Amino acid sequence: NINNLNTTSQNITNALGVVQDANIPQVSNQLTQAQIQAQAGVAALKSSTTLQQSFLSLLP
């Protein structure tokens, strides 16, 4: 259907514009920050689990 092809073409054109307009250094920085925060969260959970296990081992 011609209308579907026109819509698809417009969607692809719009998506290409979004990709081309992306501020790569800014997006890269945001990704790095998100990865660091995720790693910190995982480390905090591991620490919490270790503390809980240590506490439980002290109970009679």
C-alpha atoms as a PDB file:
ATOM      1  CA  ASN A   1       0.000   0.000   0.000  1.00  0.00           C
ATOM      2  CA  ILE A   2       1.389   3.410  -1.010  1.00  0.00           C
ATOM      3  CA  ASN A   3       0.313   5.103   2.232  1.00  0.00           C
ATOM      4  CA  ASN A   4       2.178   2.515   4.307  1.00  0.00           C
ATOM      5  CA  LEU A   5       5.311   2.998   2.214  1.00  0.00           C
ATOM      6  CA  ASN A   6       5.079   6.767   2.580  1.00  0.00           C
ATOM      7  CA  THR A   7       4.630   6.444   6.347  1.00  0.00           C
ATOM      8  CA  THR A   8       7.552   4.031   6.600  1.00  0.00           C
ATOM      9  CA  SER A   9       9.738   6.322   4.523  1.00  0.00           C
ATOM     10  CA  GLN A  10       8.863   9.304   6.711  1.00  0.00           C
ATOM     11  CA  ASN A  11       9.546   7.315   9.894  1.00  0.00           C
ATOM     12  CA  ILE A  12      12.948   6.241   8.589  1.00  0.00           C
ATOM     13  CA  THR A  13      13.777   9.812   7.606  1.00  0.00           C
ATOM     14  CA  ASN A  14      12.786  11.052  11.068  1.00  0.00           C
ATOM     15  CA  ALA A  15      14.817   8.335  12.786  1.00  0.00           C
ATOM     16  CA  LEU A  16      17.850   9.167  10.670  1.00  0.00           C
ATOM     17  CA  GLY A  17      17.526  12.805  11.687  1.00  0.00           C
ATOM     18  CA  VAL A  18      17.473  11.854  15.361  1.00  0.00           C
ATOM     19  CA  VAL A  19      20.621   9.765  14.951  1.00  0.00           C
ATOM     20  CA  GLN A  20      22.398  12.474  12.978  1.00  0.00           C
ATOM     21  CA  ASP A  21      21.432  15.141  15.514  1.00  0.00           C
ATOM     22  CA  ALA A  22      22.704  13.145  18.495  1.00  0.00           C
ATOM     23  CA  ASN A  23      25.413  14.847  20.505  1.00  0.00           C
ATOM     24  CA  ILE A  24      27.758  11.852  20.610  1.00  0.00           C
ATOM     25  CA  PRO A  25      30.116  13.167  23.331  1.00  0.00           C
ATOM     26  CA  GLN A  26      27.158  14.040  25.568  1.00  0.00           C
ATOM     27  CA  VAL A  27      25.421  10.701  24.977  1.00  0.00           C
ATOM     28  CA  SER A  28      28.696   8.858  25.571  1.00  0.00           C
ATOM     29  CA  ASN A  29      29.170  10.740  28.838  1.00  0.00           C
ATOM     30  CA  GLN A  30      25.624   9.885  29.935  1.00  0.00           C
ATOM     31  CA  LEU A  31      26.227   6.214  29.126  1.00  0.00           C
ATOM     32  CA  THR A  32      29.458   6.209  31.138  1.00  0.00           C
ATOM     33  CA  GLN A  33      27.704   7.826  34.106  1.00  0.00           C
ATOM     34  CA  ALA A  34      24.886   5.275  33.942  1.00  0.00           C
ATOM     35  CA  GLN A  35      27.383   2.401  33.819  1.00  0.00           C
ATOM     36  CA  ILE A  36      29.292   3.758  36.831  1.00  0.00           C
ATOM     37  CA  GLN A  37      26.048   4.179  38.781  1.00  0.00           C
ATOM     38  CA  ALA A  38      24.998   0.633  37.901  1.00  0.00           C
ATOM     39  CA  GLN A  39      28.369  -0.732  39.030  1.00  0.00           C
ATOM     40  CA  ALA A  40      28.124   1.234  42.277  1.00  0.00           C
ATOM     41  CA  GLY A  41      24.637  -0.161  42.843  1.00  0.00           C
ATOM     42  CA  VAL A  42      25.831  -3.716  42.329  1.00  0.00           C
ATOM     43  CA  ALA A  43      28.751  -3.124  44.698  1.00  0.00           C
ATOM     44  CA  ALA A  44      26.382  -1.725  47.338  1.00  0.00           C
ATOM     45  CA  LEU A  45      24.116  -4.760  47.041  1.00  0.00           C
ATOM     46  CA  LYS A  46      27.070  -7.125  47.382  1.00  0.00           C
ATOM     47  CA  SER A  47      28.283  -5.227  50.436  1.00  0.00           C
ATOM     48  CA  SER A  48      24.814  -5.310  51.954  1.00  0.00           C
ATOM     49  CA  THR A  49      24.565  -9.057  51.426  1.00  0.00           C
ATOM     50  CA  THR A  50      27.982  -9.586  53.002  1.00  0.00           C
ATOM     51  CA  LEU A  51      27.025  -7.475  56.023  1.00  0.00           C
ATOM     52  CA  GLN A  52      23.780  -9.395  56.456  1.00  0.00           C
ATOM     53  CA  GLN A  53      25.621 -12.706  56.301  1.00  0.00           C
ATOM     54  CA  SER A  54      28.190 -11.478  58.836  1.00  0.00           C
ATOM     55  CA  PHE A  55      25.450 -10.280  61.167  1.00  0.00           C
ATOM     56  CA  LEU A  56      23.552 -13.555  60.911  1.00  0.00           C
ATOM     57  CA  SER A  57      26.702 -15.520  61.681  1.00  0.00           C
ATOM     58  CA  LEU A  58      26.950 -13.659  65.004  1.00  0.00           C
ATOM     59  CA  LEU A  59      23.525 -14.847  66.134  1.00  0.00           C
ATOM     60  CA  PRO A  60      23.429 -17.946  68.361  1.00  0.00           C
END
